[in-house]
Amino acid sequence: MHEAKTHLSRLVDEAAAGQEIIIARSGRPVARLVAIEKEALKPREFGRMKGKIWIADDFDAPLPDDLLDLFEHGPVFPEDGPVPQDNRPALPDT
């Protein structure tokens, strides 16, 4: 383990070149240092989920007033019950 710490940079270079490095502690193998496969480094392909995801045309439509009121004034945790009218924060005039 001490040798691996001391020579980590060299060991990483060897692993990147394709060699498998086994790191041992007290003579027992505990870790394996290998290069990351080229496949894992490929950039993501744009549009791979095309046809697999559906978003409603009105997904960003305004919420109904009763649901909007719950978001703005409802309890953070439903088991706490509704927020009393006097404790609701004042909304800025728009």
Protein backbone atom coordinates (compact mmCIF):
# COMPACT_ATOMS: atom_id res chain seq x y z
CA MET A 1 0.00 0.00 0.00
CA HIS A 2 2.79 2.42 0.90
CA GLU A 3 4.54 1.72 -2.42
CA ALA A 4 1.29 2.37 -4.30
CA LYS A 5 0.90 5.76 -2.57
CA THR A 6 4.50 6.66 -3.33
CA HIS A 7 4.30 5.67 -7.01
CA LEU A 8 0.63 6.41 -7.73
CA SER A 9 1.31 8.64 -10.75
CA ARG A 10 3.48 5.97 -12.41
CA LEU A 11 0.94 3.25 -11.60
CA VAL A 12 -1.88 5.30 -13.13
CA ASP A 13 0.19 5.77 -16.28
CA GLU A 14 0.78 2.01 -16.47
CA ALA A 15 -2.92 1.30 -15.97
CA ALA A 16 -3.84 3.85 -18.65
CA ALA A 17 -1.46 2.00 -21.00
CA GLY A 18 -3.46 -1.19 -20.46
CA GLN A 19 -1.71 -2.90 -17.56
CA GLU A 20 -3.78 -4.14 -14.61
CA ILE A 21 -2.28 -3.12 -11.26
CA ILE A 22 -3.16 -5.08 -8.10
CA ILE A 23 -2.68 -3.19 -4.83
CA ALA A 24 -2.12 -5.28 -1.72
CA ARG A 25 -2.16 -4.59 2.01
CA SER A 26 -0.05 -6.94 4.14
CA GLY A 27 0.35 -9.25 1.16
CA ARG A 28 -3.40 -9.52 0.50
CA PRO A 29 -4.90 -8.01 -2.69
CA VAL A 30 -7.35 -5.23 -1.79
CA ALA A 31 -7.76 -3.17 -4.96
CA ARG A 32 -7.30 -3.30 -8.72
CA LEU A 33 -6.24 -0.30 -10.78
CA VAL A 34 -7.33 -0.50 -14.42
CA ALA A 35 -7.88 1.96 -17.24
CA ILE A 36 -11.37 3.28 -17.90
CA GLU A 37 -12.77 1.69 -21.02
CA LYS A 38 -12.93 3.93 -24.06
CA GLU A 39 -16.64 3.06 -24.33
CA ALA A 40 -17.29 4.82 -21.01
CA LEU A 41 -15.71 8.02 -22.34
CA LYS A 42 -17.97 8.41 -25.37
CA PRO A 43 -19.99 11.64 -25.39
CA ARG A 44 -23.72 11.35 -24.88
CA GLU A 45 -25.75 11.01 -28.03
CA PHE A 46 -28.33 13.78 -28.43
CA GLY A 47 -31.85 12.53 -29.07
CA ARG A 48 -31.43 8.94 -27.84
CA MET A 49 -34.72 9.14 -25.93
CA LYS A 50 -36.70 10.44 -28.93
CA GLY A 51 -40.05 8.66 -29.08
CA LYS A 52 -39.63 7.26 -25.55
CA ILE A 53 -40.61 10.39 -23.60
CA TRP A 54 -43.90 12.20 -23.86
CA ILE A 55 -44.62 15.70 -22.55
CA ALA A 56 -48.16 17.06 -22.59
CA ASP A 57 -48.73 20.15 -24.73
CA ASP A 58 -50.04 22.02 -21.68
CA PHE A 59 -47.30 20.94 -19.24
CA ASP A 60 -46.44 24.57 -18.51
CA ALA A 61 -50.01 25.88 -18.40
CA PRO A 62 -50.98 27.88 -15.30
CA LEU A 63 -52.13 25.78 -12.36
CA PRO A 64 -55.75 25.90 -11.21
CA ASP A 65 -56.21 28.46 -8.42
CA ASP A 66 -56.88 25.86 -5.68
CA LEU A 67 -53.69 23.92 -6.51
CA LEU A 68 -51.64 27.10 -6.82
CA ASP A 69 -52.91 28.16 -3.39
CA LEU A 70 -51.63 24.88 -1.92
CA PHE A 71 -48.18 25.47 -3.41
CA GLU A 72 -48.01 29.06 -2.19
CA HIS A 73 -49.71 28.69 1.20
CA GLY A 74 -50.07 24.99 1.95
CA PRO A 75 -48.16 23.15 4.65
CA VAL A 76 -44.62 22.01 3.98
CA PHE A 77 -45.46 18.67 5.57
CA PRO A 78 -49.08 17.55 5.03
CA GLU A 79 -49.28 16.01 8.51
CA ASP A 80 -48.84 19.55 9.92
CA GLY A 81 -52.22 20.55 8.50
CA PRO A 82 -53.06 23.77 6.66
CA VAL A 83 -51.30 27.00 7.51
CA PRO A 84 -53.60 29.33 9.50
CA GLN A 85 -54.73 32.35 7.48
CA ASP A 86 -53.01 34.82 9.88
CA ASN A 87 -49.60 33.13 9.44
CA ARG A 88 -49.57 33.27 5.66
CA PRO A 89 -46.88 35.56 4.27
CA ALA A 90 -48.08 38.65 2.51
CA LEU A 91 -47.77 38.35 -1.24
CA PRO A 92 -46.17 41.27 -3.09
CA ASP A 93 -48.41 43.36 -5.29
CA THR A 94 -47.81 42.66 -8.94
